[in-house]
Amino acid sequence: MGPHRVNIINLLNLIASRGEQLEYQESAPVNVANELVNQWFDDFYHPADEQFASQFSADELVLLRRFDAYYNERLALLPDSLDGLLGNRAWYEVMAYAGGVLDACRWRGIEARYESPEG
């Protein structure tokens, strides 16, 4: 599985899961609320990049574009802490939308992995 696909699938699963978000906060010395935003908007979602786009079907790209727009519309409403996020209606809407994308693409619960150099 290509790196862009791995990153998007794993991040959507993280966004959709309260439990995974809490585990991430416990295990990483970072602000998870910021990471969830930065990973999507800065690090992983690059639809104009040809290599990125080549790792998804046309239907998947449409779903990702719609999720991106939905998430972006709610950014200003999101607190800057995981505790704040988990008490925020807009965040639960983003989480639910991410879950819908996961279900539509049959990615929910998948732990995507990078291809090994051996094949």
PDB file of N, CA and C in Angstrom:
ATOM      1  N   MET A   1       0.854  -1.171   0.000  1.00  0.00           N
ATOM      2  CA  MET A   1       0.000   0.000   0.000  1.00  0.00           C
ATOM      3  C   MET A   1       0.901   1.236   0.000  1.00  0.00           C
ATOM      4  N   GLY A   2       0.600   2.178  -0.843  1.00  0.00           N
ATOM      5  CA  GLY A   2       1.409   3.391  -0.956  1.00  0.00           C
ATOM      6  C   GLY A   2       1.317   4.275   0.273  1.00  0.00           C
ATOM      7  N   PRO A   3       2.325   5.117   0.486  1.00  0.00           N
ATOM      8  CA  PRO A   3       2.386   5.917   1.708  1.00  0.00           C
ATOM      9  C   PRO A   3       1.226   6.899   1.873  1.00  0.00           C
ATOM     10  N   HIS A   4       0.771   7.495   0.794  1.00  0.00           N
ATOM     11  CA  HIS A   4      -0.338   8.445   0.929  1.00  0.00           C
ATOM     12  C   HIS A   4      -1.610   7.730   1.373  1.00  0.00           C
ATOM     13  N   ARG A   5      -1.848   6.584   0.798  1.00  0.00           N
ATOM     14  CA  ARG A   5      -3.031   5.790   1.158  1.00  0.00           C
ATOM     15  C   ARG A   5      -2.959   5.352   2.625  1.00  0.00           C
ATOM     16  N   VAL A   6      -1.796   4.880   3.037  1.00  0.00           N
ATOM     17  CA  VAL A   6      -1.583   4.462   4.431  1.00  0.00           C
ATOM     18  C   VAL A   6      -1.871   5.624   5.379  1.00  0.00           C
ATOM     19  N   ASN A   7      -1.295   6.777   5.094  1.00  0.00           N
ATOM     20  CA  ASN A   7      -1.464   7.931   5.976  1.00  0.00           C
ATOM     21  C   ASN A   7      -2.916   8.369   6.074  1.00  0.00           C
ATOM     22  N   ILE A   8      -3.610   8.416   4.955  1.00  0.00           N
ATOM     23  CA  ILE A   8      -5.003   8.868   4.951  1.00  0.00           C
ATOM     24  C   ILE A   8      -5.897   7.870   5.681  1.00  0.00           C
ATOM     25  N   ILE A   9      -5.742   6.601   5.404  1.00  0.00           N
ATOM     26  CA  ILE A   9      -6.583   5.586   6.062  1.00  0.00           C
ATOM     27  C   ILE A   9      -6.354   5.608   7.573  1.00  0.00           C
ATOM     28  N   ASN A  10      -5.102   5.619   7.981  1.00  0.00           N
ATOM     29  CA  ASN A  10      -4.811   5.615   9.421  1.00  0.00           C
ATOM     30  C   ASN A  10      -5.288   6.893  10.095  1.00  0.00           C
ATOM     31  N   LEU A  11      -5.127   8.032   9.436  1.00  0.00           N
ATOM     32  CA  LEU A  11      -5.569   9.283  10.037  1.00  0.00           C
ATOM     33  C   LEU A  11      -7.093   9.343  10.122  1.00  0.00           C
ATOM     34  N   LEU A  12      -7.798   8.910   9.099  1.00  0.00           N
ATOM     35  CA  LEU A  12      -9.264   8.898   9.175  1.00  0.00           C
ATOM     36  C   LEU A  12      -9.742   7.984  10.300  1.00  0.00           C
ATOM     37  N   ASN A  13      -9.096   6.842  10.472  1.00  0.00           N
ATOM     38  CA  ASN A  13      -9.466   5.959  11.579  1.00  0.00           C
ATOM     39  C   ASN A  13      -9.207   6.637  12.921  1.00  0.00           C
ATOM     40  N   LEU A  14      -8.126   7.391  13.028  1.00  0.00           N
ATOM     41  CA  LEU A  14      -7.835   8.130  14.260  1.00  0.00           C
ATOM     42  C   LEU A  14      -8.870   9.229  14.492  1.00  0.00           C
ATOM     43  N   ILE A  15      -9.193   9.973  13.459  1.00  0.00           N
ATOM     44  CA  ILE A  15     -10.175  11.052  13.592  1.00  0.00           C
ATOM     45  C   ILE A  15     -11.535  10.493  14.009  1.00  0.00           C
ATOM     46  N   ALA A  16     -11.887   9.338  13.502  1.00  0.00           N
ATOM     47  CA  ALA A  16     -13.209   8.757  13.767  1.00  0.00           C
ATOM     48  C   ALA A  16     -13.321   8.069  15.121  1.00  0.00           C
ATOM     49  N   SER A  17     -12.210   7.892  15.832  1.00  0.00           N
ATOM     50  CA  SER A  17     -12.224   7.089  17.057  1.00  0.00           C
ATOM     51  C   SER A  17     -11.800   7.878  18.295  1.00  0.00           C
ATOM     52  N   ARG A  18     -12.747   8.105  19.181  1.00  0.00           N
ATOM     53  CA  ARG A  18     -12.459   8.753  20.459  1.00  0.00           C
ATOM     54  C   ARG A  18     -11.396   7.955  21.227  1.00  0.00           C
ATOM     55  N   GLY A  19     -11.548   6.642  21.258  1.00  0.00           N
ATOM     56  CA  GLY A  19     -10.603   5.793  21.978  1.00  0.00           C
ATOM     57  C   GLY A  19      -9.191   5.905  21.436  1.00  0.00           C
ATOM     58  N   GLU A  20      -9.041   5.898  20.123  1.00  0.00           N
ATOM     59  CA  GLU A  20      -7.705   6.028  19.530  1.00  0.00           C
ATOM     60  C   GLU A  20      -7.104   7.397  19.818  1.00  0.00           C
ATOM     61  N   GLN A  21      -7.950   8.429  19.837  1.00  0.00           N
ATOM     62  CA  GLN A  21      -7.458   9.771  20.150  1.00  0.00           C
ATOM     63  C   GLN A  21      -6.932   9.825  21.582  1.00  0.00           C
ATOM     64  N   LEU A  22      -7.660   9.222  22.496  1.00  0.00           N
ATOM     65  CA  LEU A  22      -7.217   9.197  23.895  1.00  0.00           C
ATOM     66  C   LEU A  22      -5.931   8.394  24.052  1.00  0.00           C
ATOM     67  N   GLU A  23      -5.830   7.267  23.362  1.00  0.00           N
ATOM     68  CA  GLU A  23      -4.596   6.461  23.404  1.00  0.00           C
ATOM     69  C   GLU A  23      -3.419   7.256  22.854  1.00  0.00           C
ATOM     70  N   TYR A  24      -3.653   7.961  21.758  1.00  0.00           N
ATOM     71  CA  TYR A  24      -2.601   8.774  21.142  1.00  0.00           C
ATOM     72  C   TYR A  24      -2.123   9.836  22.136  1.00  0.00           C
ATOM     73  N   GLN A  25      -3.054  10.502  22.817  1.00  0.00           N
ATOM     74  CA  GLN A  25      -2.686  11.534  23.781  1.00  0.00           C
ATOM     75  C   GLN A  25      -1.856  10.955  24.923  1.00  0.00           C
ATOM     76  N   GLU A  26      -2.208   9.757  25.368  1.00  0.00           N
ATOM     77  CA  GLU A  26      -1.456   9.114  26.451  1.00  0.00           C
ATOM     78  C   GLU A  26      -0.056   8.702  26.030  1.00  0.00           C
ATOM     79  N   SER A  27       0.106   8.313  24.766  1.00  0.00           N
ATOM     80  CA  SER A  27       1.382   7.752  24.324  1.00  0.00           C
ATOM     81  C   SER A  27       2.321   8.757  23.669  1.00  0.00           C
ATOM     82  N   ALA A  28       1.814   9.918  23.281  1.00  0.00           N
ATOM     83  CA  ALA A  28       2.657  10.866  22.555  1.00  0.00           C
ATOM     84  C   ALA A  28       2.710  12.210  23.282  1.00  0.00           C
ATOM     85  N   PRO A  29       3.893  12.789  23.373  1.00  0.00           N
ATOM     86  CA  PRO A  29       4.032  14.083  24.040  1.00  0.00           C
ATOM     87  C   PRO A  29       3.701  15.246  23.097  1.00  0.00           C
ATOM     88  N   VAL A  30       2.508  15.209  22.509  1.00  0.00           N
ATOM     89  CA  VAL A  30       2.083  16.245  21.564  1.00  0.00           C
ATOM     90  C   VAL A  30       0.662  16.688  21.908  1.00  0.00           C
ATOM     91  N   ASN A  31       0.268  17.816  21.352  1.00  0.00           N
ATOM     92  CA  ASN A  31      -1.108  18.272  21.462  1.00  0.00           C
ATOM     93  C   ASN A  31      -1.901  17.567  20.364  1.00  0.00           C
ATOM     94  N   VAL A  32      -2.653  16.561  20.750  1.00  0.00           N
ATOM     95  CA  VAL A  32      -3.362  15.736  19.774  1.00  0.00           C
ATOM     96  C   VAL A  32      -4.378  16.552  18.979  1.00  0.00           C
ATOM     97  N   ALA A  33      -5.018  17.512  19.608  1.00  0.00           N
ATOM     98  CA  ALA A  33      -5.974  18.355  18.879  1.00  0.00           C
ATOM     99  C   ALA A  33      -5.280  19.046  17.706  1.00  0.00           C
ATOM    100  N   ASN A  34      -4.103  19.598  17.955  1.00  0.00           N
ATOM    101  CA  ASN A  34      -3.341  20.236  16.877  1.00  0.00           C
ATOM    102  C   ASN A  34      -2.876  19.218  15.841  1.00  0.00           C
ATOM    103  N   GLU A  35      -2.432  18.077  16.306  1.00  0.00           N
ATOM    104  CA  GLU A  35      -1.949  17.047  15.384  1.00  0.00           C
ATOM    105  C   GLU A  35      -3.040  16.577  14.423  1.00  0.00           C
ATOM    106  N   LEU A  36      -4.256  16.420  14.926  1.00  0.00           N
ATOM    107  CA  LEU A  36      -5.349  15.952  14.075  1.00  0.00           C
ATOM    108  C   LEU A  36      -5.654  16.948  12.961  1.00  0.00           C
ATOM    109  N   VAL A  37      -5.487  18.208  13.247  1.00  0.00           N
ATOM    110  CA  VAL A  37      -5.680  19.246  12.233  1.00  0.00           C
ATOM    111  C   VAL A  37      -4.473  19.307  11.300  1.00  0.00           C
ATOM    112  N   ASN A  38      -3.280  19.405  11.882  1.00  0.00           N
ATOM    113  CA  ASN A  38      -2.068  19.551  11.073  1.00  0.00           C
ATOM    114  C   ASN A  38      -1.811  18.348  10.177  1.00  0.00           C
ATOM    115  N   GLN A  39      -2.036  17.154  10.705  1.00  0.00           N
ATOM    116  CA  GLN A  39      -1.793  15.971   9.874  1.00  0.00           C
ATOM    117  C   GLN A  39      -2.706  15.957   8.653  1.00  0.00           C
ATOM    118  N   TRP A  40      -3.962  16.356   8.845  1.00  0.00           N
ATOM    119  CA  TRP A  40      -4.871  16.350   7.690  1.00  0.00           C
ATOM    120  C   TRP A  40      -4.538  17.489   6.725  1.00  0.00           C
ATOM    121  N   PHE A  41      -4.528  18.710   7.217  1.00  0.00           N
ATOM    122  CA  PHE A  41      -4.442  19.871   6.341  1.00  0.00           C
ATOM    123  C   PHE A  41      -3.032  20.199   5.865  1.00  0.00           C
ATOM    124  N   ASP A  42      -2.012  19.821   6.629  1.00  0.00           N
ATOM    125  CA  ASP A  42      -0.643  20.168   6.259  1.00  0.00           C
ATOM    126  C   ASP A  42       0.178  18.969   5.779  1.00  0.00           C
ATOM    127  N   ASP A  43       0.033  17.851   6.467  1.00  0.00           N
ATOM    128  CA  ASP A  43       0.950  16.738   6.236  1.00  0.00           C
ATOM    129  C   ASP A  43       0.479  15.708   5.204  1.00  0.00           C
ATOM    130  N   PHE A  44      -0.786  15.300   5.276  1.00  0.00           N
ATOM    131  CA  PHE A  44      -1.181  14.099   4.535  1.00  0.00           C
ATOM    132  C   PHE A  44      -2.130  14.301   3.366  1.00  0.00           C
ATOM    133  N   TYR A  45      -3.019  15.257   3.422  1.00  0.00           N
ATOM    134  CA  TYR A  45      -4.017  15.405   2.359  1.00  0.00           C
ATOM    135  C   TYR A  45      -3.519  16.400   1.311  1.00  0.00           C
ATOM    136  N   HIS A  46      -3.104  15.879   0.156  1.00  0.00           N
ATOM    137  CA  HIS A  46      -2.547  16.697  -0.929  1.00  0.00           C
ATOM    138  C   HIS A  46      -3.166  16.277  -2.263  1.00  0.00           C
ATOM    139  N   PRO A  47      -4.438  16.599  -2.477  1.00  0.00           N
ATOM    140  CA  PRO A  47      -5.149  16.102  -3.655  1.00  0.00           C
ATOM    141  C   PRO A  47      -4.599  16.614  -4.983  1.00  0.00           C
ATOM    142  N   ALA A  48      -3.895  17.733  -5.000  1.00  0.00           N
ATOM    143  CA  ALA A  48      -3.345  18.259  -6.251  1.00  0.00           C
ATOM    144  C   ALA A  48      -2.061  17.539  -6.659  1.00  0.00           C
ATOM    145  N   ASP A  49      -1.486  16.798  -5.737  1.00  0.00           N
ATOM    146  CA  ASP A  49      -0.253  16.053  -6.014  1.00  0.00           C
ATOM    147  C   ASP A  49      -0.587  14.796  -6.812  1.00  0.00           C
ATOM    148  N   GLU A  50       0.049  14.636  -7.930  1.00  0.00           N
ATOM    149  CA  GLU A  50      -0.242  13.505  -8.824  1.00  0.00           C
ATOM    150  C   GLU A  50       0.009  12.156  -8.149  1.00  0.00           C
ATOM    151  N   GLN A  51       1.095  12.051  -7.407  1.00  0.00           N
ATOM    152  CA  GLN A  51       1.394  10.788  -6.729  1.00  0.00           C
ATOM    153  C   GLN A  51       0.335  10.486  -5.669  1.00  0.00           C
ATOM    154  N   PHE A  52      -0.082  11.508  -4.938  1.00  0.00           N
ATOM    155  CA  PHE A  52      -1.152  11.325  -3.950  1.00  0.00           C
ATOM    156  C   PHE A  52      -2.402  10.800  -4.654  1.00  0.00           C
ATOM    157  N   ALA A  53      -2.848  11.519  -5.662  1.00  0.00           N
ATOM    158  CA  ALA A  53      -4.100  11.180  -6.351  1.00  0.00           C
ATOM    159  C   ALA A  53      -4.061   9.794  -6.970  1.00  0.00           C
ATOM    160  N   SER A  54      -2.890   9.369  -7.398  1.00  0.00           N
ATOM    161  CA  SER A  54      -2.774   8.066  -8.067  1.00  0.00           C
ATOM    162  C   SER A  54      -3.018   6.894  -7.118  1.00  0.00           C
ATOM    163  N   GLN A  55      -2.995   7.137  -5.811  1.00  0.00           N
ATOM    164  CA  GLN A  55      -3.155   6.056  -4.842  1.00  0.00           C
ATOM    165  C   GLN A  55      -4.604   5.845  -4.407  1.00  0.00           C
ATOM    166  N   PHE A  56      -5.529   6.605  -5.025  1.00  0.00           N
ATOM    167  CA  PHE A  56      -6.946   6.507  -4.681  1.00  0.00           C
ATOM    168  C   PHE A  56      -7.781   6.416  -5.950  1.00  0.00           C
ATOM    169  N   SER A  57      -8.922   5.770  -5.828  1.00  0.00           N
ATOM    170  CA  SER A  57      -9.857   5.730  -6.956  1.00  0.00           C
ATOM    171  C   SER A  57     -10.527   7.099  -7.092  1.00  0.00           C
ATOM    172  N   ALA A  58     -11.176   7.318  -8.220  1.00  0.00           N
ATOM    173  CA  ALA A  58     -11.897   8.575  -8.433  1.00  0.00           C
ATOM    174  C   ALA A  58     -12.974   8.762  -7.370  1.00  0.00           C
ATOM    175  N   ASP A  59     -13.687   7.698  -7.037  1.00  0.00           N
ATOM    176  CA  ASP A  59     -14.728   7.784  -6.008  1.00  0.00           C
ATOM    177  C   ASP A  59     -14.136   8.106  -4.647  1.00  0.00           C
ATOM    178  N   GLU A  60     -13.016   7.493  -4.310  1.00  0.00           N
ATOM    179  CA  GLU A  60     -12.363   7.776  -3.036  1.00  0.00           C
ATOM    180  C   GLU A  60     -11.917   9.239  -2.971  1.00  0.00           C
ATOM    181  N   LEU A  61     -11.377   9.752  -4.077  1.00  0.00           N
ATOM    182  CA  LEU A  61     -10.939  11.147  -4.098  1.00  0.00           C
ATOM    183  C   LEU A  61     -12.103  12.106  -3.881  1.00  0.00           C
ATOM    184  N   VAL A  62     -13.260  11.780  -4.442  1.00  0.00           N
ATOM    185  CA  VAL A  62     -14.454  12.613  -4.222  1.00  0.00           C
ATOM    186  C   VAL A  62     -14.831  12.607  -2.744  1.00  0.00           C
ATOM    187  N   LEU A  63     -14.844  11.436  -2.131  1.00  0.00           N
ATOM    188  CA  LEU A  63     -15.180  11.332  -0.705  1.00  0.00           C
ATOM    189  C   LEU A  63     -14.177  12.094   0.154  1.00  0.00           C
ATOM    190  N   LEU A  64     -12.903  11.992  -0.180  1.00  0.00           N
ATOM    191  CA  LEU A  64     -11.873  12.706   0.580  1.00  0.00           C
ATOM    192  C   LEU A  64     -12.023  14.216   0.405  1.00  0.00           C
ATOM    193  N   ARG A  65     -12.325  14.670  -0.811  1.00  0.00           N
ATOM    194  CA  ARG A  65     -12.519  16.098  -1.051  1.00  0.00           C
ATOM    195  C   ARG A  65     -13.706  16.622  -0.242  1.00  0.00           C
ATOM    196  N   ARG A  66     -14.787  15.866  -0.214  1.00  0.00           N
ATOM    197  CA  ARG A  66     -15.964  16.293   0.556  1.00  0.00           C
ATOM    198  C   ARG A  66     -15.658  16.328   2.053  1.00  0.00           C
ATOM    199  N   PHE A  67     -14.927  15.315   2.534  1.00  0.00           N
ATOM    200  CA  PHE A  67     -14.542  15.323   3.948  1.00  0.00           C
ATOM    201  C   PHE A  67     -13.671  16.535   4.256  1.00  0.00           C
ATOM    202  N   ASP A  68     -12.711  16.824   3.391  1.00  0.00           N
ATOM    203  CA  ASP A  68     -11.826  17.960   3.576  1.00  0.00           C
ATOM    204  C   ASP A  68     -12.624  19.262   3.709  1.00  0.00           C
ATOM    205  N   ALA A  69     -13.586  19.449   2.835  1.00  0.00           N
ATOM    206  CA  ALA A  69     -14.411  20.662   2.875  1.00  0.00           C
ATOM    207  C   ALA A  69     -15.234  20.719   4.168  1.00  0.00           C
ATOM    208  N   TYR A  70     -15.795  19.578   4.555  1.00  0.00           N
ATOM    209  CA  TYR A  70     -16.608  19.492   5.773  1.00  0.00           C
ATOM    210  C   TYR A  70     -15.768  19.821   7.008  1.00  0.00           C
ATOM    211  N   TYR A  71     -14.596  19.223   7.082  1.00  0.00           N
ATOM    212  CA  TYR A  71     -13.666  19.442   8.191  1.00  0.00           C
ATOM    213  C   TYR A  71     -13.245  20.916   8.219  1.00  0.00           C
ATOM    214  N   ASN A  72     -12.887  21.443   7.065  1.00  0.00           N
ATOM    215  CA  ASN A  72     -12.422  22.823   6.971  1.00  0.00           C
ATOM    216  C   ASN A  72     -13.497  23.811   7.434  1.00  0.00           C
ATOM    217  N   GLU A  73     -14.759  23.535   7.127  1.00  0.00           N
ATOM    218  CA  GLU A  73     -15.856  24.407   7.536  1.00  0.00           C
ATOM    219  C   GLU A  73     -16.003  24.475   9.058  1.00  0.00           C
ATOM    220  N   ARG A  74     -15.535  23.473   9.766  1.00  0.00           N
ATOM    221  CA  ARG A  74     -15.694  23.414  11.212  1.00  0.00           C
ATOM    222  C   ARG A  74     -14.430  23.779  11.993  1.00  0.00           C
ATOM    223  N   LEU A  75     -13.341  24.042  11.291  1.00  0.00           N
ATOM    224  CA  LEU A  75     -12.065  24.312  11.962  1.00  0.00           C
ATOM    225  C   LEU A  75     -12.157  25.429  12.994  1.00  0.00           C
ATOM    226  N   ALA A  76     -12.808  26.511  12.651  1.00  0.00           N
ATOM    227  CA  ALA A  76     -12.881  27.661  13.566  1.00  0.00           C
ATOM    228  C   ALA A  76     -13.651  27.340  14.844  1.00  0.00           C
ATOM    229  N   LEU A  77     -14.440  26.277  14.827  1.00  0.00           N
ATOM    230  CA  LEU A  77     -15.247  25.895  15.992  1.00  0.00           C
ATOM    231  C   LEU A  77     -14.523  24.921  16.917  1.00  0.00           C
ATOM    232  N   LEU A  78     -13.336  24.469  16.517  1.00  0.00           N
ATOM    233  CA  LEU A  78     -12.661  23.404  17.253  1.00  0.00           C
ATOM    234  C   LEU A  78     -11.691  23.946  18.298  1.00  0.00           C
ATOM    235  N   PRO A  79     -11.798  23.451  19.537  1.00  0.00           N
ATOM    236  CA  PRO A  79     -10.869  23.846  20.600  1.00  0.00           C
ATOM    237  C   PRO A  79      -9.458  23.329  20.325  1.00  0.00           C
ATOM    238  N   ASP A  80      -8.519  23.872  21.099  1.00  0.00           N
ATOM    239  CA  ASP A  80      -7.106  23.563  20.916  1.00  0.00           C
ATOM    240  C   ASP A  80      -6.591  22.515  21.906  1.00  0.00           C
ATOM    241  N   SER A  81      -7.486  21.677  22.411  1.00  0.00           N
ATOM    242  CA  SER A  81      -7.063  20.605  23.312  1.00  0.00           C
ATOM    243  C   SER A  81      -7.936  19.379  23.042  1.00  0.00           C
ATOM    244  N   LEU A  82      -7.412  18.215  23.349  1.00  0.00           N
ATOM    245  CA  LEU A  82      -8.196  17.000  23.129  1.00  0.00           C
ATOM    246  C   LEU A  82      -9.420  16.979  24.037  1.00  0.00           C
ATOM    247  N   ASP A  83      -9.252  17.379  25.298  1.00  0.00           N
ATOM    248  CA  ASP A  83     -10.415  17.438  26.194  1.00  0.00           C
ATOM    249  C   ASP A  83     -11.491  18.350  25.623  1.00  0.00           C
ATOM    250  N   GLY A  84     -11.059  19.492  25.111  1.00  0.00           N
ATOM    251  CA  GLY A  84     -12.006  20.413  24.497  1.00  0.00           C
ATOM    252  C   GLY A  84     -12.671  19.816  23.273  1.00  0.00           C
ATOM    253  N   LEU A  85     -11.875  19.155  22.430  1.00  0.00           N
ATOM    254  CA  LEU A  85     -12.435  18.519  21.231  1.00  0.00           C
ATOM    255  C   LEU A  85     -13.500  17.496  21.599  1.00  0.00           C
ATOM    256  N   LEU A  86     -13.163  16.671  22.589  1.00  0.00           N
ATOM    257  CA  LEU A  86     -14.062  15.573  22.930  1.00  0.00           C
ATOM    258  C   LEU A  86     -15.339  16.044  23.616  1.00  0.00           C
ATOM    259  N   GLY A  87     -15.419  17.321  23.912  1.00  0.00           N
ATOM    260  CA  GLY A  87     -16.647  17.890  24.442  1.00  0.00           C
ATOM    261  C   GLY A  87     -17.314  18.836  23.451  1.00  0.00           C
ATOM    262  N   ASN A  88     -16.877  18.771  22.197  1.00  0.00           N
ATOM    263  CA  ASN A  88     -17.309  19.733  21.189  1.00  0.00           C
ATOM    264  C   ASN A  88     -18.183  19.070  20.126  1.00  0.00           C
ATOM    265  N   ARG A  89     -19.352  19.633  19.916  1.00  0.00           N
ATOM    266  CA  ARG A  89     -20.293  19.067  18.937  1.00  0.00           C
ATOM    267  C   ARG A  89     -19.716  19.038  17.516  1.00  0.00           C
ATOM    268  N   ALA A  90     -19.053  20.123  17.126  1.00  0.00           N
ATOM    269  CA  ALA A  90     -18.488  20.179  15.769  1.00  0.00           C
ATOM    270  C   ALA A  90     -17.469  19.057  15.562  1.00  0.00           C
ATOM    271  N   TRP A  91     -16.693  18.739  16.611  1.00  0.00           N
ATOM    272  CA  TRP A  91     -15.707  17.662  16.477  1.00  0.00           C
ATOM    273  C   TRP A  91     -16.408  16.307  16.311  1.00  0.00           C
ATOM    274  N   TYR A  92     -17.474  16.099  17.048  1.00  0.00           N
ATOM    275  CA  TYR A  92     -18.209  14.840  16.887  1.00  0.00           C
ATOM    276  C   TYR A  92     -18.815  14.724  15.495  1.00  0.00           C
ATOM    277  N   GLU A  93     -19.182  15.861  14.903  1.00  0.00           N
ATOM    278  CA  GLU A  93     -19.669  15.845  13.522  1.00  0.00           C
ATOM    279  C   GLU A  93     -18.548  15.461  12.567  1.00  0.00           C
ATOM    280  N   VAL A  94     -17.346  16.009  12.789  1.00  0.00           N
ATOM    281  CA  VAL A  94     -16.187  15.656  11.957  1.00  0.00           C
ATOM    282  C   VAL A  94     -15.861  14.178  12.141  1.00  0.00           C
ATOM    283  N   MET A  95     -15.879  13.705  13.377  1.00  0.00           N
ATOM    284  CA  MET A  95     -15.611  12.293  13.644  1.00  0.00           C
ATOM    285  C   MET A  95     -16.611  11.399  12.910  1.00  0.00           C
ATOM    286  N   ALA A  96     -17.879  11.755  12.960  1.00  0.00           N
ATOM    287  CA  ALA A  96     -18.921  10.962  12.301  1.00  0.00           C
ATOM    288  C   ALA A  96     -18.738  10.987  10.789  1.00  0.00           C
ATOM    289  N   TYR A  97     -18.378  12.131  10.239  1.00  0.00           N
ATOM    290  CA  TYR A  97     -18.166  12.229   8.795  1.00  0.00           C
ATOM    291  C   TYR A  97     -16.973  11.354   8.395  1.00  0.00           C
ATOM    292  N   ALA A  98     -15.906  11.401   9.178  1.00  0.00           N
ATOM    293  CA  ALA A  98     -14.744  10.542   8.903  1.00  0.00           C
ATOM    294  C   ALA A  98     -15.159   9.076   8.928  1.00  0.00           C
ATOM    295  N   GLY A  99     -15.994   8.706   9.885  1.00  0.00           N
ATOM    296  CA  GLY A  99     -16.498   7.330   9.954  1.00  0.00           C
ATOM    297  C   GLY A  99     -17.300   6.961   8.727  1.00  0.00           C
ATOM    298  N   GLY A 100     -18.072   7.895   8.213  1.00  0.00           N
ATOM    299  CA  GLY A 100     -18.831   7.646   6.992  1.00  0.00           C
ATOM    300  C   GLY A 100     -17.930   7.401   5.799  1.00  0.00           C
ATOM    301  N   VAL A 101     -16.842   8.151   5.715  1.00  0.00           N
ATOM    302  CA  VAL A 101     -15.872   7.937   4.630  1.00  0.00           C
ATOM    303  C   VAL A 101     -15.224   6.563   4.790  1.00  0.00           C
ATOM    304  N   LEU A 102     -14.845   6.233   6.011  1.00  0.00           N
ATOM    305  CA  LEU A 102     -14.246   4.916   6.267  1.00  0.00           C
ATOM    306  C   LEU A 102     -15.194   3.796   5.854  1.00  0.00           C
ATOM    307  N   ASP A 103     -16.456   3.931   6.200  1.00  0.00           N
ATOM    308  CA  ASP A 103     -17.434   2.901   5.843  1.00  0.00           C
ATOM    309  C   ASP A 103     -17.638   2.826   4.332  1.00  0.00           C
ATOM    310  N   ALA A 104     -17.753   3.969   3.686  1.00  0.00           N
ATOM    311  CA  ALA A 104     -17.978   3.999   2.242  1.00  0.00           C
ATOM    312  C   ALA A 104     -16.811   3.374   1.480  1.00  0.00           C
ATOM    313  N   CYS A 105     -15.608   3.562   2.002  1.00  0.00           N
ATOM    314  CA  CYS A 105     -14.405   3.030   1.346  1.00  0.00           C
ATOM    315  C   CYS A 105     -13.988   1.655   1.885  1.00  0.00           C
ATOM    316  N   ARG A 106     -14.708   1.174   2.885  1.00  0.00           N
ATOM    317  CA  ARG A 106     -14.386  -0.088   3.564  1.00  0.00           C
ATOM    318  C   ARG A 106     -13.007  -0.050   4.208  1.00  0.00           C
ATOM    319  N   TRP A 107     -12.711   1.072   4.842  1.00  0.00           N
ATOM    320  CA  TRP A 107     -11.430   1.272   5.507  1.00  0.00           C
ATOM    321  C   TRP A 107     -11.551   1.261   7.023  1.00  0.00           C
ATOM    322  N   ARG A 108     -12.736   1.200   7.565  1.00  0.00           N
ATOM    323  CA  ARG A 108     -12.896   1.311   9.023  1.00  0.00           C
ATOM    324  C   ARG A 108     -12.160   0.161   9.710  1.00  0.00           C
ATOM    325  N   GLY A 109     -11.347   0.530  10.699  1.00  0.00           N
ATOM    326  CA  GLY A 109     -10.633  -0.466  11.491  1.00  0.00           C
ATOM    327  C   GLY A 109      -9.405  -1.056  10.834  1.00  0.00           C
ATOM    328  N   ILE A 110      -9.130  -0.667   9.606  1.00  0.00           N
ATOM    329  CA  ILE A 110      -7.934  -1.184   8.923  1.00  0.00           C
ATOM    330  C   ILE A 110      -6.700  -0.505   9.518  1.00  0.00           C
ATOM    331  N   GLU A 111      -5.705  -1.292   9.822  1.00  0.00           N
ATOM    332  CA  GLU A 111      -4.416  -0.714  10.189  1.00  0.00           C
ATOM    333  C   GLU A 111      -3.553  -0.780   8.937  1.00  0.00           C
ATOM    334  N   ALA A 112      -3.559   0.308   8.201  1.00  0.00           N
ATOM    335  CA  ALA A 112      -2.823   0.350   6.937  1.00  0.00           C
ATOM    336  C   ALA A 112      -1.333   0.351   7.218  1.00  0.00           C
ATOM    337  N   ARG A 113      -0.605  -0.343   6.365  1.00  0.00           N
ATOM    338  CA  ARG A 113       0.853  -0.456   6.539  1.00  0.00           C
ATOM    339  C   ARG A 113       1.564  -0.130   5.234  1.00  0.00           C
ATOM    340  N   TYR A 114       2.760   0.426   5.387  1.00  0.00           N
ATOM    341  CA  TYR A 114       3.583   0.742   4.230  1.00  0.00           C
ATOM    342  C   TYR A 114       4.085  -0.541   3.594  1.00  0.00           C
ATOM    343  N   GLU A 115       4.271  -0.473   2.286  1.00  0.00           N
ATOM    344  CA  GLU A 115       4.838  -1.622   1.583  1.00  0.00           C
ATOM    345  C   GLU A 115       6.272  -1.834   2.059  1.00  0.00           C
ATOM    346  N   SER A 116       6.631  -3.101   2.207  1.00  0.00           N
ATOM    347  CA  SER A 116       7.996  -3.390   2.617  1.00  0.00           C
ATOM    348  C   SER A 116       8.895  -3.359   1.387  1.00  0.00           C
ATOM    349  N   PRO A 117      10.176  -3.054   1.571  1.00  0.00           N
ATOM    350  CA  PRO A 117      11.098  -3.003   0.439  1.00  0.00           C
ATOM    351  C   PRO A 117      11.227  -4.346  -0.294  1.00  0.00           C
ATOM    352  N   GLU A 118      10.930  -5.447   0.424  1.00  0.00           N
ATOM    353  CA  GLU A 118      11.047  -6.760  -0.185  1.00  0.00           C
ATOM    354  C   GLU A 118       9.893  -7.044  -1.132  1.00  0.00           C
ATOM    355  N   GLY A 119       8.852  -6.250  -1.099  1.00  0.00           N
ATOM    356  CA  GLY A 119       7.763  -6.495  -2.030  1.00  0.00           C
ATOM    357  C   GLY A 119       6.474  -6.340  -1.372  1.00  0.00           C
TER     358      GLY A 119
END
